[in-house]
Amino acid sequence: MNYELDHIDVREAITKLCEGFPNKYWQKCDREKKYPTEFVSKLTEQGYLGVLIPEQYGGLGSPISVGAAILEEIHRSGGNAGACHAQMYTMGTLLRHGSEKQKSEYLPKIAAGDLRLQAFGVTEPNSGTDTLALSTTAKLIDNSYVVNGQKIWTSRAEHSDLLLLLARTTQKESVKNKTDGLSVFIVDMSTVLNKSLRIKRISTMINHSTTELFFDNMLVPVDNLIGEEGKGFRYILSGMNAERILIAAECIGDAKWFIEKAS
């Protein structure tokens, strides 16, 4: 496949969209530490953040190469997709491992822009790249999981309606395989924000709006468990593998922008 020429119509459309957001727009966002709401809204309105969602759920059902082309062209045009790119890959865990009820409830609204799934709660202060060392717990009590712990470098939490959360449901010493015992939940942030969920901004990583999350007896309905309990680590890889491809495309776009400016 000639990647440079593939999806040329998408690339041209993105380039045209980005013309409405010149360097001075991004400079203002950086200077004021402002989330690029207008840019994200425009991408959402035109359906670009839902291209990887299947048609039956309101998306376009495009291959990941289309998502990569979109993100590459945003960065090639001098923009920054870091404020919204997660919506392309976080939904992969829900799509591949969620129940039909969960997919029917959330994916059409995400595709339409009525719900934002931008936040991915995985990394912790003491786990870093060793995801299996995370210590945030989710204990099943009656019909809800009670979540306690902390996440860090959770970008876009202040600009997301839903949070994809990885937590430990079985202690490490009680599992046979070290990849077991972690579970994934979809959290409706509107029901817990400033109650059992506290968000603290981290002033770094421009345009990523990254944060720390603190959970204090946060209740998550049992119906919000994605897939089977204890298999969450495998599930999140569905999103992380796509993330690597998509962010690599952004880096290619950045490189092309820098080369063009330096030439």
Protein backbone atom coordinates (compact mmCIF):
# COMPACT_ATOMS: atom_id res chain seq x y z
CA MET A 1 0.00 0.00 0.00
CA ASN A 2 1.29 3.45 -0.88
CA TYR A 3 0.56 5.04 2.47
CA GLU A 4 1.31 8.57 1.33
CA LEU A 5 -1.39 8.40 -1.33
CA ASP A 6 -3.92 6.30 0.55
CA HIS A 7 -7.08 7.97 1.88
CA ILE A 8 -6.20 11.12 -0.06
CA ASP A 9 -9.77 12.43 0.20
CA VAL A 10 -9.65 12.19 3.98
CA ARG A 11 -6.24 13.87 4.08
CA GLU A 12 -7.43 16.78 1.93
CA ALA A 13 -10.55 17.25 4.05
CA ILE A 14 -8.52 17.31 7.26
CA THR A 15 -6.05 19.80 5.77
CA LYS A 16 -8.95 22.08 4.87
CA LEU A 17 -10.46 21.75 8.35
CA CYS A 18 -7.12 22.59 9.96
CA GLU A 19 -6.84 25.80 7.93
CA GLY A 20 -9.45 27.19 10.29
CA PHE A 21 -7.11 26.60 13.22
CA PRO A 22 -3.82 28.34 12.37
CA ASN A 23 -0.70 28.57 14.51
CA LYS A 24 -2.03 31.54 16.45
CA TYR A 25 -4.97 29.42 17.65
CA TRP A 26 -2.66 26.76 19.08
CA GLN A 27 -0.32 29.39 20.51
CA LYS A 28 -3.26 30.94 22.35
CA CYS A 29 -4.29 27.54 23.72
CA ASP A 30 -0.73 26.94 24.93
CA ARG A 31 -0.36 30.39 26.43
CA GLU A 32 -3.67 30.25 28.29
CA LYS A 33 -3.40 26.52 29.11
CA LYS A 34 -6.73 26.21 27.36
CA TYR A 35 -8.33 23.04 26.00
CA PRO A 36 -8.89 23.38 22.22
CA THR A 37 -12.64 22.97 22.52
CA GLU A 38 -13.44 24.55 19.16
CA PHE A 39 -11.06 22.26 17.30
CA VAL A 40 -12.30 19.11 19.03
CA SER A 41 -15.92 20.13 18.45
CA LYS A 42 -15.28 20.60 14.73
CA LEU A 43 -13.66 17.16 14.43
CA THR A 44 -16.59 15.65 16.32
CA GLU A 45 -19.24 17.43 14.23
CA GLN A 46 -17.69 16.13 11.02
CA GLY A 47 -17.53 12.58 12.35
CA TYR A 48 -13.77 12.13 12.37
CA LEU A 49 -13.53 10.93 15.97
CA GLY A 50 -16.04 8.16 15.25
CA VAL A 51 -14.54 6.77 12.06
CA LEU A 52 -13.37 3.53 13.69
CA ILE A 53 -16.76 2.78 15.27
CA PRO A 54 -18.74 0.22 13.20
CA GLU A 55 -21.61 1.48 11.08
CA GLN A 56 -24.16 -0.48 13.11
CA TYR A 57 -23.28 1.76 16.07
CA GLY A 58 -23.37 5.01 14.14
CA GLY A 59 -19.73 5.25 13.04
CA LEU A 60 -18.12 4.81 9.63
CA GLY A 61 -16.53 1.42 10.24
CA SER A 62 -13.25 2.54 8.70
CA PRO A 63 -9.94 0.67 9.06
CA ILE A 64 -7.31 1.98 11.45
CA SER A 65 -5.35 3.36 8.49
CA VAL A 66 -8.06 6.01 8.11
CA GLY A 67 -7.69 7.01 11.75
CA ALA A 68 -3.92 7.17 11.26
CA ALA A 69 -4.33 9.35 8.17
CA ILE A 70 -6.58 11.76 10.07
CA LEU A 71 -4.17 12.17 12.96
CA GLU A 72 -1.11 12.41 10.72
CA GLU A 73 -2.67 15.20 8.68
CA ILE A 74 -3.70 17.15 11.78
CA HIS A 75 -0.08 17.17 12.91
CA ARG A 76 1.27 17.73 9.42
CA SER A 77 -0.89 20.86 9.36
CA GLY A 78 0.62 22.14 12.61
CA GLY A 79 -2.24 21.08 14.86
CA ASN A 80 -2.29 18.82 17.89
CA ALA A 81 -4.66 15.86 18.16
CA GLY A 82 -3.49 14.97 21.66
CA ALA A 83 -6.56 16.67 23.06
CA CYS A 84 -8.91 14.14 21.49
CA HIS A 85 -7.10 11.20 19.86
CA ALA A 86 -7.96 8.82 22.71
CA GLN A 87 -11.56 8.57 21.53
CA MET A 88 -10.29 6.57 18.55
CA TYR A 89 -8.59 3.87 20.62
CA THR A 90 -10.29 3.76 24.03
CA MET A 91 -13.51 2.59 22.42
CA GLY A 92 -11.67 -0.50 21.11
CA THR A 93 -11.82 -2.18 24.50
CA LEU A 94 -15.56 -1.54 24.73
CA LEU A 95 -16.15 -2.61 21.13
CA ARG A 96 -14.26 -5.91 21.38
CA HIS A 97 -15.08 -6.96 24.92
CA GLY A 98 -18.18 -5.08 26.04
CA SER A 99 -21.64 -6.62 26.17
CA GLU A 100 -24.12 -5.89 23.41
CA LYS A 101 -26.08 -3.79 25.90
CA GLN A 102 -23.00 -1.70 26.71
CA LYS A 103 -22.07 -1.23 23.07
CA SER A 104 -25.61 -0.26 22.09
CA GLU A 105 -25.85 2.16 24.99
CA TYR A 106 -22.54 3.97 24.56
CA LEU A 107 -21.10 3.62 21.06
CA PRO A 108 -23.88 5.42 19.10
CA LYS A 109 -23.69 8.35 21.52
CA ILE A 110 -19.90 8.44 21.24
CA ALA A 111 -20.11 8.34 17.44
CA ALA A 112 -22.67 11.17 17.44
CA GLY A 113 -20.59 13.29 19.80
CA ASP A 114 -23.19 13.19 22.58
CA LEU A 115 -20.76 11.36 24.88
CA ARG A 116 -16.99 11.78 25.09
CA LEU A 117 -14.84 8.75 25.92
CA GLN A 118 -11.49 10.49 26.18
CA ALA A 119 -10.10 9.32 29.54
CA PHE A 120 -8.14 6.10 30.09
CA GLY A 121 -7.30 5.43 33.76
CA VAL A 122 -4.39 2.98 33.85
CA THR A 123 -1.08 4.49 35.04
CA GLU A 124 -0.46 4.97 38.78
CA PRO A 125 2.26 6.76 40.78
CA ASN A 126 3.87 3.46 41.76
CA SER A 127 3.24 1.38 38.66
CA GLY A 128 4.35 3.44 35.66
CA THR A 129 5.16 1.14 32.76
CA ASP A 130 4.61 -1.90 34.98
CA THR A 131 0.84 -1.96 34.63
CA LEU A 132 0.56 -5.22 36.55
CA ALA A 133 1.84 -3.44 39.68
CA LEU A 134 -1.18 -1.15 39.91
CA SER A 135 -2.88 -1.05 43.30
CA THR A 136 -6.22 0.72 42.76
CA THR A 137 -8.83 -1.75 43.98
CA ALA A 138 -12.41 -2.51 43.01
CA LYS A 139 -14.28 -4.67 45.53
CA LEU A 140 -17.67 -6.13 44.68
CA ILE A 141 -20.22 -5.30 47.38
CA ASP A 142 -23.86 -6.10 46.57
CA ASN A 143 -24.51 -4.74 43.05
CA SER A 144 -21.61 -2.30 42.84
CA TYR A 145 -17.83 -2.28 42.80
CA VAL A 146 -16.28 0.02 45.41
CA VAL A 147 -13.17 1.65 43.95
CA ASN A 148 -10.32 3.12 45.99
CA GLY A 149 -6.95 4.34 44.82
CA GLN A 150 -5.23 6.81 42.53
CA LYS A 151 -4.32 7.26 38.88
CA ILE A 152 -1.82 9.66 37.33
CA TRP A 153 -1.21 10.99 33.82
CA THR A 154 -4.86 10.41 32.98
CA SER A 155 -5.26 12.89 30.17
CA ARG A 156 -8.52 14.65 29.24
CA ALA A 157 -10.40 13.52 32.37
CA GLU A 158 -11.82 17.03 32.73
CA HIS A 159 -13.12 16.89 29.18
CA SER A 160 -14.61 13.41 29.13
CA ASP A 161 -18.03 12.08 30.06
CA LEU A 162 -16.82 8.51 30.43
CA LEU A 163 -13.69 6.99 31.95
CA LEU A 164 -12.27 3.62 31.02
CA LEU A 165 -10.80 2.40 34.31
CA LEU A 166 -8.44 -0.49 35.06
CA ALA A 167 -8.50 -1.68 38.68
CA ARG A 168 -7.47 -4.70 40.70
CA THR A 169 -10.34 -7.02 41.64
CA THR A 170 -8.14 -9.85 42.95
CA GLN A 171 -4.95 -9.33 44.93
CA LYS A 172 -1.68 -10.23 43.18
CA GLU A 173 -0.81 -12.95 45.66
CA SER A 174 -4.12 -14.70 44.96
CA VAL A 175 -3.85 -15.04 41.18
CA LYS A 176 -2.29 -17.90 39.27
CA ASN A 177 -1.02 -15.78 36.38
CA LYS A 178 0.35 -12.30 37.00
CA THR A 179 -1.78 -10.91 34.17
CA ASP A 180 -4.96 -11.99 35.97
CA GLY A 181 -6.87 -10.13 38.64
CA LEU A 182 -7.34 -6.80 36.83
CA SER A 183 -10.72 -5.68 35.53
CA VAL A 184 -11.95 -2.90 33.26
CA PHE A 185 -14.91 -0.67 34.03
CA ILE A 186 -16.67 2.10 32.18
CA VAL A 187 -17.35 4.93 34.60
CA ASP A 188 -20.03 7.57 34.10
CA MET A 189 -18.09 10.51 35.47
CA SER A 190 -21.15 12.72 35.86
CA THR A 191 -22.41 10.52 38.69
CA VAL A 192 -19.21 10.55 40.77
CA LEU A 193 -17.26 13.73 39.94
CA ASN A 194 -16.48 15.90 42.97
CA LYS A 195 -18.06 13.26 45.17
CA SER A 196 -16.12 10.01 45.25
CA LEU A 197 -13.91 11.04 42.32
CA ARG A 198 -11.57 14.01 42.59
CA ILE A 199 -9.55 15.37 39.68
CA LYS A 200 -6.32 17.34 40.10
CA ARG A 201 -4.70 19.05 37.12
CA ILE A 202 -1.06 18.47 36.23
CA SER A 203 0.42 21.52 34.50
CA THR A 204 2.46 19.81 31.81
CA MET A 205 2.01 17.94 28.53
CA ILE A 206 0.57 20.82 26.51
CA ASN A 207 -2.84 20.18 24.92
CA HIS A 208 -3.22 16.83 26.70
CA SER A 209 -4.96 18.32 29.78
CA THR A 210 -3.46 15.60 31.93
CA THR A 211 -4.54 14.95 35.51
CA GLU A 212 -4.38 12.87 38.66
CA LEU A 213 -7.49 10.98 39.73
CA PHE A 214 -8.37 10.09 43.32
CA PHE A 215 -11.03 7.48 44.10
CA ASP A 216 -12.62 7.40 47.54
CA ASN A 217 -15.18 4.60 47.83
CA MET A 218 -16.38 5.31 44.29
CA LEU A 219 -19.33 3.11 43.35
CA VAL A 220 -19.42 1.56 39.88
CA PRO A 221 -22.51 -0.52 38.99
CA VAL A 222 -21.75 -4.18 38.31
CA ASP A 223 -23.28 -3.72 34.85
CA ASN A 224 -20.38 -1.40 34.01
CA LEU A 225 -17.82 -4.19 34.22
CA ILE A 226 -16.48 -4.81 30.71
CA GLY A 227 -16.15 -8.50 29.87
CA GLU A 228 -15.17 -10.94 32.60
CA GLU A 229 -13.77 -9.98 35.96
CA GLY A 230 -10.02 -10.50 36.17
CA LYS A 231 -9.31 -10.36 32.44
CA GLY A 232 -8.98 -6.60 32.13
CA PHE A 233 -5.28 -6.50 31.34
CA ARG A 234 -5.86 -8.46 28.15
CA TYR A 235 -8.80 -6.26 27.27
CA ILE A 236 -6.98 -2.94 27.53
CA LEU A 237 -4.31 -4.17 25.13
CA SER A 238 -7.03 -3.96 22.47
CA GLY A 239 -6.93 -0.21 22.91
CA MET A 240 -3.23 0.18 23.60
CA ASN A 241 -2.14 -1.60 20.42
CA ALA A 242 -4.25 0.80 18.36
CA GLU A 243 -2.91 3.70 20.42
CA ARG A 244 0.66 2.91 19.39
CA ILE A 245 -0.26 2.95 15.70
CA LEU A 246 -2.27 6.16 15.90
CA ILE A 247 0.28 8.11 17.93
CA ALA A 248 3.05 6.93 15.61
CA ALA A 249 1.04 8.50 12.78
CA GLU A 250 0.94 11.78 14.70
CA CYS A 251 4.73 11.65 15.06
CA ILE A 252 5.09 11.17 11.31
CA GLY A 253 2.89 14.22 10.80
CA ASP A 254 5.01 16.23 13.24
CA ALA A 255 8.19 15.21 11.42
CA LYS A 256 6.75 16.29 8.07
CA TRP A 257 5.69 19.65 9.53
CA PHE A 258 9.15 20.29 10.97
CA ILE A 259 10.87 19.30 7.73
CA GLU A 260 8.58 21.60 5.75
CA LYS A 261 9.26 24.52 8.10
CA ALA A 262 13.00 23.91 8.03
CA SER A 263 13.21 23.56 4.25
